[in-house]
Amino acid sequence: MPLITKNIYDVIPYLEKEDVVIVPTETVYGLGCNALSYKATEKVYQVKKRPRSNPLILHVGDKASLLKYIELDQSYVLDVIDRFMPGSITIVCRAHPSLPDHVVTKSGTVAIRIPNHPLTLDLLQSISYPIAAPSANLYTKLSPTGVNEIDPTLMRRVGAVLDGGDCSIGLESTILDCTGDNPVILRHGMVVPSSIESAINREVIVPTVEFSEDMPGCSRVHYTTRAKIKIVEEIEIGKPGLTRNTPTNHLQFMMPYNATGYAQLLYKMLHYIDSMKVPVIYIESPPAGEEWNAVWDRINRASDK
């Protein structure tokens, strides 16, 4: 099993020798490595069993580092950075020529963000390279929001785990394509389009279809549990799952009525119920509305259609 530590200086030697580590962010735990090392990023793909066509998100410790790795084609990018970073938003921009090809998409872009977790920010500000950190799960499986939720198979494949406690957001970041005059939502997160529009004073485009194998976390099937997931209006008495009402058994959990609280607990509750080896997990339909888009995105991708 890997070293589990709360000290960033225990983790740095593993990054320096091009090994893979698990790091906390405010969204979910990430499978991290030196993004500038081809050997290290290849190991991430192998450990996750992730297709090479699915690019990695780069994580940096401050605005200056972020600007070093992108071409600033759109001035509103600065407004996004200043308003939402560090935070749970990833921007997609044209990659700076200094970035190696293995972290640049075929269209010449890079996905990058500044995470808002004190340990990982300290780590990033103590090294001289970005960390590539897709979620610390096997490809298409449910992301962990605490160390105890990390798949044991994955744990055996990494050098170290930086234990930062439970993630404060609980869902992966909003992904915003900033290559055009109007930014485009590529993946819903808890930073919502209207907030972005207010910050940059222009329309944010929200496509009706957001499935893509060429963007992180945007494949049609994702965030899946071992059990099947079914979305229902009301869970039957005796069935396991996530409810809006008073639970009727020990495998039903009443979820918060607000989107922030619901998102924070969603993966944690799914991990717990799934560990009970039930065949199906039922999720009562959450409310509609912009603030719920990320929750709906995750349960739709995970559900048995």
C-alpha atoms as a PDB file:
ATOM      1  CA  MET A   1       0.000   0.000   0.000  1.00  0.00           C
ATOM      2  CA  PRO A   2       1.175   3.573  -0.599  1.00  0.00           C
ATOM      3  CA  LEU A   3       2.407   6.082   1.929  1.00  0.00           C
ATOM      4  CA  ILE A   4      -0.546   8.061   3.335  1.00  0.00           C
ATOM      5  CA  THR A   5       0.496  11.453   4.675  1.00  0.00           C
ATOM      6  CA  LYS A   6      -0.719  14.970   5.453  1.00  0.00           C
ATOM      7  CA  ASN A   7       2.737  16.434   4.697  1.00  0.00           C
ATOM      8  CA  ILE A   8       3.316  17.789   1.183  1.00  0.00           C
ATOM      9  CA  TYR A   9       7.076  17.250   1.527  1.00  0.00           C
ATOM     10  CA  ASP A  10       6.513  13.502   1.822  1.00  0.00           C
ATOM     11  CA  VAL A  11       4.770  13.572  -1.570  1.00  0.00           C
ATOM     12  CA  ILE A  12       7.199  15.733  -3.546  1.00  0.00           C
ATOM     13  CA  PRO A  13       9.918  13.025  -3.882  1.00  0.00           C
ATOM     14  CA  TYR A  14       7.402  10.750  -5.612  1.00  0.00           C
ATOM     15  CA  LEU A  15       6.511  13.500  -8.081  1.00  0.00           C
ATOM     16  CA  GLU A  16      10.207  14.207  -8.693  1.00  0.00           C
ATOM     17  CA  LYS A  17      10.872  10.581  -9.630  1.00  0.00           C
ATOM     18  CA  GLU A  18       7.908  10.643 -12.075  1.00  0.00           C
ATOM     19  CA  ASP A  19       5.677   8.503  -9.900  1.00  0.00           C
ATOM     20  CA  VAL A  20       1.914   8.934  -9.468  1.00  0.00           C
ATOM     21  CA  VAL A  21       0.347  10.257  -6.262  1.00  0.00           C
ATOM     22  CA  ILE A  22      -3.181  10.978  -5.069  1.00  0.00           C
ATOM     23  CA  VAL A  23      -3.904  14.559  -4.020  1.00  0.00           C
ATOM     24  CA  PRO A  24      -6.961  16.304  -2.553  1.00  0.00           C
ATOM     25  CA  THR A  25      -8.806  19.154  -4.200  1.00  0.00           C
ATOM     26  CA  GLU A  26     -11.982  20.964  -3.202  1.00  0.00           C
ATOM     27  CA  THR A  27     -13.880  18.995  -5.874  1.00  0.00           C
ATOM     28  CA  VAL A  28     -12.679  15.365  -5.702  1.00  0.00           C
ATOM     29  CA  TYR A  29      -9.386  13.590  -5.091  1.00  0.00           C
ATOM     30  CA  GLY A  30      -7.050  13.602  -8.081  1.00  0.00           C
ATOM     31  CA  LEU A  31      -4.506  11.164  -9.498  1.00  0.00           C
ATOM     32  CA  GLY A  32      -1.536  13.478  -9.801  1.00  0.00           C
ATOM     33  CA  CYS A  33       1.827  13.548 -11.541  1.00  0.00           C
ATOM     34  CA  ASN A  34       4.350  15.944 -13.045  1.00  0.00           C
ATOM     35  CA  ALA A  35       2.391  17.143 -16.075  1.00  0.00           C
ATOM     36  CA  LEU A  36       5.550  17.993 -18.029  1.00  0.00           C
ATOM     37  CA  SER A  37       6.821  14.412 -17.822  1.00  0.00           C
ATOM     38  CA  TYR A  38       5.642  12.102 -20.596  1.00  0.00           C
ATOM     39  CA  LYS A  39       6.609   9.064 -18.510  1.00  0.00           C
ATOM     40  CA  ALA A  40       4.562  10.253 -15.535  1.00  0.00           C
ATOM     41  CA  THR A  41       1.442  11.137 -17.533  1.00  0.00           C
ATOM     42  CA  GLU A  42       1.604   7.786 -19.317  1.00  0.00           C
ATOM     43  CA  LYS A  43       1.575   6.132 -15.917  1.00  0.00           C
ATOM     44  CA  VAL A  44      -1.590   8.085 -15.013  1.00  0.00           C
ATOM     45  CA  TYR A  45      -3.326   6.773 -18.133  1.00  0.00           C
ATOM     46  CA  GLN A  46      -2.197   3.237 -17.315  1.00  0.00           C
ATOM     47  CA  VAL A  47      -3.216   3.412 -13.650  1.00  0.00           C
ATOM     48  CA  LYS A  48      -6.684   4.803 -14.480  1.00  0.00           C
ATOM     49  CA  LYS A  49      -7.121   2.688 -17.629  1.00  0.00           C
ATOM     50  CA  ARG A  50      -8.080   5.971 -19.296  1.00  0.00           C
ATOM     51  CA  PRO A  51      -8.071   6.408 -23.100  1.00  0.00           C
ATOM     52  CA  ARG A  52      -5.182   8.573 -24.362  1.00  0.00           C
ATOM     53  CA  SER A  53      -7.713  10.558 -26.381  1.00  0.00           C
ATOM     54  CA  ASN A  54      -9.154  11.904 -23.122  1.00  0.00           C
ATOM     55  CA  PRO A  55      -6.895  14.817 -22.086  1.00  0.00           C
ATOM     56  CA  LEU A  56      -5.665  15.578 -18.575  1.00  0.00           C
ATOM     57  CA  ILE A  57      -6.444  18.734 -16.596  1.00  0.00           C
ATOM     58  CA  LEU A  58      -3.397  20.679 -15.439  1.00  0.00           C
ATOM     59  CA  HIS A  59      -3.353  22.117 -11.920  1.00  0.00           C
ATOM     60  CA  VAL A  60      -1.213  25.116 -10.993  1.00  0.00           C
ATOM     61  CA  GLY A  61      -0.718  27.112  -7.814  1.00  0.00           C
ATOM     62  CA  ASP A  62      -1.324  30.703  -8.907  1.00  0.00           C
ATOM     63  CA  LYS A  63      -2.421  33.042 -11.685  1.00  0.00           C
ATOM     64  CA  ALA A  64       1.101  33.701 -12.964  1.00  0.00           C
ATOM     65  CA  SER A  65       1.726  29.984 -13.416  1.00  0.00           C
ATOM     66  CA  LEU A  66      -1.560  29.528 -15.226  1.00  0.00           C
ATOM     67  CA  LEU A  67      -0.881  32.370 -17.653  1.00  0.00           C
ATOM     68  CA  LYS A  68       2.497  30.843 -18.458  1.00  0.00           C
ATOM     69  CA  TYR A  69       0.843  27.804 -20.013  1.00  0.00           C
ATOM     70  CA  ILE A  70      -1.925  29.403 -22.109  1.00  0.00           C
ATOM     71  CA  GLU A  71      -2.261  31.838 -24.977  1.00  0.00           C
ATOM     72  CA  LEU A  72      -4.450  34.696 -23.782  1.00  0.00           C
ATOM     73  CA  ASP A  73      -6.634  35.040 -26.871  1.00  0.00           C
ATOM     74  CA  GLN A  74      -9.740  36.225 -25.024  1.00  0.00           C
ATOM     75  CA  SER A  75      -9.554  39.053 -22.496  1.00  0.00           C
ATOM     76  CA  TYR A  76     -12.486  37.667 -20.485  1.00  0.00           C
ATOM     77  CA  VAL A  77     -10.247  34.779 -19.392  1.00  0.00           C
ATOM     78  CA  LEU A  78      -8.627  37.171 -16.914  1.00  0.00           C
ATOM     79  CA  ASP A  79     -12.041  37.968 -15.437  1.00  0.00           C
ATOM     80  CA  VAL A  80     -12.786  34.252 -15.026  1.00  0.00           C
ATOM     81  CA  ILE A  81      -9.440  33.695 -13.290  1.00  0.00           C
ATOM     82  CA  ASP A  82      -9.814  36.698 -11.009  1.00  0.00           C
ATOM     83  CA  ARG A  83     -13.404  35.906 -10.029  1.00  0.00           C
ATOM     84  CA  PHE A  84     -13.381  32.113  -9.690  1.00  0.00           C
ATOM     85  CA  MET A  85      -9.829  30.941  -9.022  1.00  0.00           C
ATOM     86  CA  PRO A  86      -8.665  29.329  -6.888  1.00  0.00           C
ATOM     87  CA  GLY A  87     -11.884  27.406  -7.273  1.00  0.00           C
ATOM     88  CA  SER A  88     -13.865  24.682  -8.957  1.00  0.00           C
ATOM     89  CA  ILE A  89     -13.591  25.832 -12.560  1.00  0.00           C
ATOM     90  CA  THR A  90     -11.336  24.592 -15.358  1.00  0.00           C
ATOM     91  CA  ILE A  91     -10.685  26.745 -18.417  1.00  0.00           C
ATOM     92  CA  VAL A  92      -9.812  25.426 -21.852  1.00  0.00           C
ATOM     93  CA  CYS A  93      -7.533  27.757 -23.804  1.00  0.00           C
ATOM     94  CA  ARG A  94      -5.084  27.579 -26.667  1.00  0.00           C
ATOM     95  CA  ALA A  95      -1.928  26.003 -25.259  1.00  0.00           C
ATOM     96  CA  HIS A  96       1.310  27.940 -25.015  1.00  0.00           C
ATOM     97  CA  PRO A  97       3.987  26.536 -27.364  1.00  0.00           C
ATOM     98  CA  SER A  98       6.190  25.677 -24.369  1.00  0.00           C
ATOM     99  CA  LEU A  99       3.806  22.924 -23.261  1.00  0.00           C
ATOM    100  CA  PRO A 100       4.755  19.399 -24.373  1.00  0.00           C
ATOM    101  CA  ASP A 101       2.501  17.689 -26.876  1.00  0.00           C
ATOM    102  CA  HIS A 102       1.338  14.989 -24.462  1.00  0.00           C
ATOM    103  CA  VAL A 103      -0.778  17.504 -22.466  1.00  0.00           C
ATOM    104  CA  VAL A 104      -2.075  19.406 -25.508  1.00  0.00           C
ATOM    105  CA  THR A 105      -5.198  18.290 -27.391  1.00  0.00           C
ATOM    106  CA  LYS A 106      -5.285  17.655 -31.126  1.00  0.00           C
ATOM    107  CA  SER A 107      -6.915  21.061 -31.554  1.00  0.00           C
ATOM    108  CA  GLY A 108      -4.033  22.723 -29.709  1.00  0.00           C
ATOM    109  CA  THR A 109      -5.780  23.466 -26.420  1.00  0.00           C
ATOM    110  CA  VAL A 110      -5.055  22.750 -22.768  1.00  0.00           C
ATOM    111  CA  ALA A 111      -7.412  22.381 -19.798  1.00  0.00           C
ATOM    112  CA  ILE A 112      -6.081  24.082 -16.668  1.00  0.00           C
ATOM    113  CA  ARG A 113      -7.197  25.303 -13.250  1.00  0.00           C
ATOM    114  CA  ILE A 114      -6.108  26.551  -9.820  1.00  0.00           C
ATOM    115  CA  PRO A 115      -7.604  24.238  -7.174  1.00  0.00           C
ATOM    116  CA  ASN A 116      -8.893  25.619  -3.897  1.00  0.00           C
ATOM    117  CA  HIS A 117      -7.494  23.183  -1.365  1.00  0.00           C
ATOM    118  CA  PRO A 118      -4.834  24.459   1.066  1.00  0.00           C
ATOM    119  CA  LEU A 119      -2.641  21.346   0.996  1.00  0.00           C
ATOM    120  CA  THR A 120      -2.591  21.025  -2.780  1.00  0.00           C
ATOM    121  CA  LEU A 121      -2.098  24.751  -3.259  1.00  0.00           C
ATOM    122  CA  ASP A 122       0.917  24.553  -0.920  1.00  0.00           C
ATOM    123  CA  LEU A 123       2.181  21.586  -2.898  1.00  0.00           C
ATOM    124  CA  LEU A 124       1.781  23.329  -6.252  1.00  0.00           C
ATOM    125  CA  GLN A 125       3.507  26.463  -4.951  1.00  0.00           C
ATOM    126  CA  SER A 126       6.430  24.356  -3.730  1.00  0.00           C
ATOM    127  CA  ILE A 127       7.258  22.768  -7.097  1.00  0.00           C
ATOM    128  CA  SER A 128       8.228  24.187 -10.478  1.00  0.00           C
ATOM    129  CA  TYR A 129       5.785  22.299 -12.736  1.00  0.00           C
ATOM    130  CA  PRO A 130       2.019  21.810 -13.050  1.00  0.00           C
ATOM    131  CA  ILE A 131       0.372  18.651 -11.781  1.00  0.00           C
ATOM    132  CA  ALA A 132      -1.891  16.707 -14.119  1.00  0.00           C
ATOM    133  CA  ALA A 133      -4.642  15.354 -11.889  1.00  0.00           C
ATOM    134  CA  PRO A 134      -7.713  13.616 -13.307  1.00  0.00           C
ATOM    135  CA  SER A 135     -10.051  12.196 -10.687  1.00  0.00           C
ATOM    136  CA  ALA A 136      -8.548   9.389  -8.608  1.00  0.00           C
ATOM    137  CA  ASN A 137     -10.788   6.642  -9.909  1.00  0.00           C
ATOM    138  CA  LEU A 138     -10.705   3.931 -12.511  1.00  0.00           C
ATOM    139  CA  TYR A 139     -11.993   5.303 -15.816  1.00  0.00           C
ATOM    140  CA  THR A 140     -15.794   5.913 -15.808  1.00  0.00           C
ATOM    141  CA  LYS A 141     -16.103   4.967 -12.127  1.00  0.00           C
ATOM    142  CA  LEU A 142     -17.267   7.107  -9.216  1.00  0.00           C
ATOM    143  CA  SER A 143     -14.802   9.739  -7.995  1.00  0.00           C
ATOM    144  CA  PRO A 144     -13.619   9.720  -4.355  1.00  0.00           C
ATOM    145  CA  THR A 145     -14.263  12.668  -2.052  1.00  0.00           C
ATOM    146  CA  GLY A 146     -12.311  11.170   0.856  1.00  0.00           C
ATOM    147  CA  VAL A 147      -9.321   8.851   1.202  1.00  0.00           C
ATOM    148  CA  ASN A 148     -11.513   5.982   2.437  1.00  0.00           C
ATOM    149  CA  GLU A 149     -13.428   6.056  -0.869  1.00  0.00           C
ATOM    150  CA  ILE A 150     -10.392   5.489  -3.112  1.00  0.00           C
ATOM    151  CA  ASP A 151     -10.540   2.171  -4.960  1.00  0.00           C
ATOM    152  CA  PRO A 152      -8.074  -0.322  -3.352  1.00  0.00           C
ATOM    153  CA  THR A 153      -6.918  -1.356  -6.830  1.00  0.00           C
ATOM    154  CA  LEU A 154      -5.950   2.233  -7.528  1.00  0.00           C
ATOM    155  CA  MET A 155      -4.275   2.619  -4.133  1.00  0.00           C
ATOM    156  CA  ARG A 156      -1.928  -0.268  -4.925  1.00  0.00           C
ATOM    157  CA  ARG A 157      -0.780   1.472  -8.114  1.00  0.00           C
ATOM    158  CA  VAL A 158       0.350   4.807  -6.634  1.00  0.00           C
ATOM    159  CA  GLY A 159       3.360   5.883  -4.597  1.00  0.00           C
ATOM    160  CA  ALA A 160       1.726   8.156  -2.037  1.00  0.00           C
ATOM    161  CA  VAL A 161      -1.576   9.684  -0.940  1.00  0.00           C
ATOM    162  CA  LEU A 162      -1.851  13.237   0.395  1.00  0.00           C
ATOM    163  CA  ASP A 163      -4.721  13.095   2.885  1.00  0.00           C
ATOM    164  CA  GLY A 164      -6.577  16.409   2.890  1.00  0.00           C
ATOM    165  CA  GLY A 165      -9.800  15.245   4.516  1.00  0.00           C
ATOM    166  CA  ASP A 166     -13.188  15.358   2.825  1.00  0.00           C
ATOM    167  CA  CYS A 167     -13.614  17.486  -0.303  1.00  0.00           C
ATOM    168  CA  SER A 168     -15.650  20.628   0.308  1.00  0.00           C
ATOM    169  CA  ILE A 169     -17.425  20.748  -3.093  1.00  0.00           C
ATOM    170  CA  GLY A 170     -17.842  17.051  -3.869  1.00  0.00           C
ATOM    171  CA  LEU A 171     -18.327  17.226  -7.661  1.00  0.00           C
ATOM    172  CA  GLU A 172     -15.796  17.764 -10.419  1.00  0.00           C
ATOM    173  CA  SER A 173     -15.103  21.278 -11.677  1.00  0.00           C
ATOM    174  CA  THR A 174     -17.049  23.233 -14.260  1.00  0.00           C
ATOM    175  CA  ILE A 175     -15.176  23.048 -17.582  1.00  0.00           C
ATOM    176  CA  LEU A 176     -15.352  26.252 -19.630  1.00  0.00           C
ATOM    177  CA  ASP A 177     -14.112  26.454 -23.211  1.00  0.00           C
ATOM    178  CA  CYS A 178     -12.562  29.920 -23.540  1.00  0.00           C
ATOM    179  CA  THR A 179     -11.279  29.675 -27.100  1.00  0.00           C
ATOM    180  CA  GLY A 180     -14.095  31.678 -28.687  1.00  0.00           C
ATOM    181  CA  ASP A 181     -15.703  35.089 -28.298  1.00  0.00           C
ATOM    182  CA  ASN A 182     -18.310  33.508 -26.030  1.00  0.00           C
ATOM    183  CA  PRO A 183     -17.262  30.801 -23.576  1.00  0.00           C
ATOM    184  CA  VAL A 184     -18.951  27.406 -23.761  1.00  0.00           C
ATOM    185  CA  ILE A 185     -19.805  25.075 -20.889  1.00  0.00           C
ATOM    186  CA  LEU A 186     -18.215  21.697 -21.634  1.00  0.00           C
ATOM    187  CA  ARG A 187     -19.073  20.139 -18.262  1.00  0.00           C
ATOM    188  CA  HIS A 188     -21.393  21.424 -15.576  1.00  0.00           C
ATOM    189  CA  GLY A 189     -19.977  22.061 -12.130  1.00  0.00           C
ATOM    190  CA  MET A 190     -20.929  24.158  -9.143  1.00  0.00           C
ATOM    191  CA  VAL A 191     -19.749  27.363 -10.852  1.00  0.00           C
ATOM    192  CA  VAL A 192     -22.881  28.053 -12.871  1.00  0.00           C
ATOM    193  CA  PRO A 193     -23.288  29.895 -16.202  1.00  0.00           C
ATOM    194  CA  SER A 194     -25.150  32.892 -14.778  1.00  0.00           C
ATOM    195  CA  SER A 195     -22.343  33.552 -12.290  1.00  0.00           C
ATOM    196  CA  ILE A 196     -19.804  33.431 -15.113  1.00  0.00           C
ATOM    197  CA  GLU A 197     -21.921  35.764 -17.252  1.00  0.00           C
ATOM    198  CA  SER A 198     -22.095  38.267 -14.403  1.00  0.00           C
ATOM    199  CA  ALA A 199     -18.316  38.162 -13.999  1.00  0.00           C
ATOM    200  CA  ILE A 200     -17.409  38.578 -17.678  1.00  0.00           C
ATOM    201  CA  ASN A 201     -20.409  40.570 -18.944  1.00  0.00           C
ATOM    202  CA  ARG A 202     -21.106  38.322 -21.920  1.00  0.00           C
ATOM    203  CA  GLU A 203     -23.239  35.316 -22.759  1.00  0.00           C
ATOM    204  CA  VAL A 204     -22.086  31.833 -21.807  1.00  0.00           C
ATOM    205  CA  ILE A 205     -23.197  29.152 -24.268  1.00  0.00           C
ATOM    206  CA  VAL A 206     -24.670  25.975 -22.770  1.00  0.00           C
ATOM    207  CA  PRO A 207     -24.946  23.214 -25.401  1.00  0.00           C
ATOM    208  CA  THR A 208     -27.839  20.772 -25.166  1.00  0.00           C
ATOM    209  CA  VAL A 209     -25.511  17.805 -25.686  1.00  0.00           C
ATOM    210  CA  GLU A 210     -22.342  17.641 -23.635  1.00  0.00           C
ATOM    211  CA  PHE A 211     -20.971  14.153 -24.289  1.00  0.00           C
ATOM    212  CA  SER A 212     -17.435  14.033 -25.636  1.00  0.00           C
ATOM    213  CA  GLU A 213     -14.577  11.554 -25.386  1.00  0.00           C
ATOM    214  CA  ASP A 214     -12.142  14.382 -26.108  1.00  0.00           C
ATOM    215  CA  MET A 215     -12.762  16.401 -22.941  1.00  0.00           C
ATOM    216  CA  PRO A 216     -12.108  15.358 -19.329  1.00  0.00           C
ATOM    217  CA  GLY A 217     -15.108  13.808 -17.590  1.00  0.00           C
ATOM    218  CA  CYS A 218     -17.394  14.252 -20.589  1.00  0.00           C
ATOM    219  CA  SER A 219     -17.895  10.697 -21.823  1.00  0.00           C
ATOM    220  CA  ARG A 220     -21.484   9.480 -22.103  1.00  0.00           C
ATOM    221  CA  VAL A 221     -21.075   6.887 -19.342  1.00  0.00           C
ATOM    222  CA  HIS A 222     -19.219   8.127 -16.285  1.00  0.00           C
ATOM    223  CA  TYR A 223     -19.272   8.303 -12.462  1.00  0.00           C
ATOM    224  CA  THR A 224     -20.652   4.775 -12.262  1.00  0.00           C
ATOM    225  CA  THR A 225     -21.040   2.553  -9.203  1.00  0.00           C
ATOM    226  CA  ARG A 226     -20.858  -1.244  -9.083  1.00  0.00           C
ATOM    227  CA  ALA A 227     -24.630  -1.239  -8.543  1.00  0.00           C
ATOM    228  CA  LYS A 228     -26.971  -0.015 -11.230  1.00  0.00           C
ATOM    229  CA  ILE A 229     -28.375   3.461 -10.634  1.00  0.00           C
ATOM    230  CA  LYS A 230     -31.993   4.272 -11.401  1.00  0.00           C
ATOM    231  CA  ILE A 231     -33.582   7.717 -11.188  1.00  0.00           C
ATOM    232  CA  VAL A 232     -37.150   7.590  -9.850  1.00  0.00           C
ATOM    233  CA  GLU A 233     -39.772  10.008  -8.586  1.00  0.00           C
ATOM    234  CA  GLU A 234     -40.126   8.186  -5.271  1.00  0.00           C
ATOM    235  CA  ILE A 235     -38.171   5.297  -3.759  1.00  0.00           C
ATOM    236  CA  GLU A 236     -40.251   2.319  -2.694  1.00  0.00           C
ATOM    237  CA  ILE A 237     -40.223   1.347   0.967  1.00  0.00           C
ATOM    238  CA  GLY A 238     -37.332  -1.028   1.599  1.00  0.00           C
ATOM    239  CA  LYS A 239     -35.284  -0.007  -1.450  1.00  0.00           C
ATOM    240  CA  PRO A 240     -31.817   1.574  -1.043  1.00  0.00           C
ATOM    241  CA  GLY A 241     -30.989   5.045  -2.292  1.00  0.00           C
ATOM    242  CA  LEU A 242     -31.097   8.811  -1.972  1.00  0.00           C
ATOM    243  CA  THR A 243     -34.405  10.350  -0.992  1.00  0.00           C
ATOM    244  CA  ARG A 244     -35.927  13.798  -0.457  1.00  0.00           C
ATOM    245  CA  ASN A 245     -38.152  12.400   2.290  1.00  0.00           C
ATOM    246  CA  THR A 246     -37.786  10.611   5.610  1.00  0.00           C
ATOM    247  CA  PRO A 247     -35.809   7.369   5.056  1.00  0.00           C
ATOM    248  CA  THR A 248     -37.709   4.109   5.477  1.00  0.00           C
ATOM    249  CA  ASN A 249     -34.678   1.854   6.027  1.00  0.00           C
ATOM    250  CA  HIS A 250     -30.969   1.977   6.942  1.00  0.00           C
ATOM    251  CA  LEU A 251     -29.915   2.143   3.280  1.00  0.00           C
ATOM    252  CA  GLN A 252     -31.969   5.215   2.435  1.00  0.00           C
ATOM    253  CA  PHE A 253     -30.441   8.634   3.042  1.00  0.00           C
ATOM    254  CA  MET A 254     -32.253  11.949   3.113  1.00  0.00           C
ATOM    255  CA  MET A 255     -30.354  14.393   0.937  1.00  0.00           C
ATOM    256  CA  PRO A 256     -30.081  18.155   1.533  1.00  0.00           C
ATOM    257  CA  TYR A 257     -32.639  20.397  -0.145  1.00  0.00           C
ATOM    258  CA  ASN A 258     -29.969  22.802  -1.424  1.00  0.00           C
ATOM    259  CA  ALA A 259     -27.746  21.998  -4.400  1.00  0.00           C
ATOM    260  CA  THR A 260     -24.480  22.797  -2.604  1.00  0.00           C
ATOM    261  CA  GLY A 261     -25.188  20.392   0.241  1.00  0.00           C
ATOM    262  CA  TYR A 262     -26.524  17.740  -2.111  1.00  0.00           C
ATOM    263  CA  ALA A 263     -23.423  17.902  -4.324  1.00  0.00           C
ATOM    264  CA  GLN A 264     -21.107  17.677  -1.341  1.00  0.00           C
ATOM    265  CA  LEU A 265     -22.728  14.423  -0.170  1.00  0.00           C
ATOM    266  CA  LEU A 266     -23.712  12.774  -3.473  1.00  0.00           C
ATOM    267  CA  TYR A 267     -20.594  10.694  -4.157  1.00  0.00           C
ATOM    268  CA  LYS A 268     -20.021   9.943  -0.470  1.00  0.00           C
ATOM    269  CA  MET A 269     -23.514   8.475  -0.085  1.00  0.00           C
ATOM    270  CA  LEU A 270     -23.261   6.535  -3.346  1.00  0.00           C
ATOM    271  CA  HIS A 271     -19.916   5.079  -2.271  1.00  0.00           C
ATOM    272  CA  TYR A 272     -21.408   4.012   1.066  1.00  0.00           C
ATOM    273  CA  ILE A 273     -24.550   2.403  -0.362  1.00  0.00           C
ATOM    274  CA  ASP A 274     -22.508   0.711  -3.093  1.00  0.00           C
ATOM    275  CA  SER A 275     -20.224  -0.793  -0.439  1.00  0.00           C
ATOM    276  CA  MET A 276     -23.274  -2.642   0.931  1.00  0.00           C
ATOM    277  CA  LYS A 277     -23.328  -4.614  -2.347  1.00  0.00           C
ATOM    278  CA  VAL A 278     -26.919  -3.824  -3.278  1.00  0.00           C
ATOM    279  CA  PRO A 279     -27.881  -4.564  -6.905  1.00  0.00           C
ATOM    280  CA  VAL A 280     -29.593  -1.214  -7.559  1.00  0.00           C
ATOM    281  CA  ILE A 281     -29.296   2.259  -6.026  1.00  0.00           C
ATOM    282  CA  TYR A 282     -32.371   4.448  -6.483  1.00  0.00           C
ATOM    283  CA  ILE A 283     -32.107   8.243  -6.646  1.00  0.00           C
ATOM    284  CA  GLU A 284     -35.203  10.379  -6.297  1.00  0.00           C
ATOM    285  CA  SER A 285     -35.213  13.107  -8.933  1.00  0.00           C
ATOM    286  CA  PRO A 286     -33.539  16.259  -7.595  1.00  0.00           C
ATOM    287  CA  PRO A 287     -35.093  19.672  -8.277  1.00  0.00           C
ATOM    288  CA  ALA A 288     -34.597  21.451 -11.593  1.00  0.00           C
ATOM    289  CA  GLY A 289     -32.711  24.717 -11.989  1.00  0.00           C
ATOM    290  CA  GLU A 290     -29.298  25.971 -12.978  1.00  0.00           C
ATOM    291  CA  GLU A 291     -27.720  25.267  -9.603  1.00  0.00           C
ATOM    292  CA  TRP A 292     -28.746  21.612  -9.955  1.00  0.00           C
ATOM    293  CA  ASN A 293     -27.295  21.074 -13.452  1.00  0.00           C
ATOM    294  CA  ALA A 294     -24.066  19.499 -12.167  1.00  0.00           C
ATOM    295  CA  VAL A 295     -25.968  17.056  -9.951  1.00  0.00           C
ATOM    296  CA  TRP A 296     -28.247  16.065 -12.825  1.00  0.00           C
ATOM    297  CA  ASP A 297     -25.248  15.720 -15.148  1.00  0.00           C
ATOM    298  CA  ARG A 298     -23.544  13.245 -12.802  1.00  0.00           C
ATOM    299  CA  ILE A 299     -26.556  11.093 -12.021  1.00  0.00           C
ATOM    300  CA  ASN A 300     -27.635  10.989 -15.671  1.00  0.00           C
ATOM    301  CA  ARG A 301     -24.206   9.753 -16.742  1.00  0.00           C
ATOM    302  CA  ALA A 302     -24.146   7.213 -13.929  1.00  0.00           C
ATOM    303  CA  SER A 303     -27.698   5.912 -14.316  1.00  0.00           C
ATOM    304  CA  ASP A 304     -28.846   2.744 -16.009  1.00  0.00           C
ATOM    305  CA  LYS A 305     -30.665   4.105 -19.067  1.00  0.00           C
END
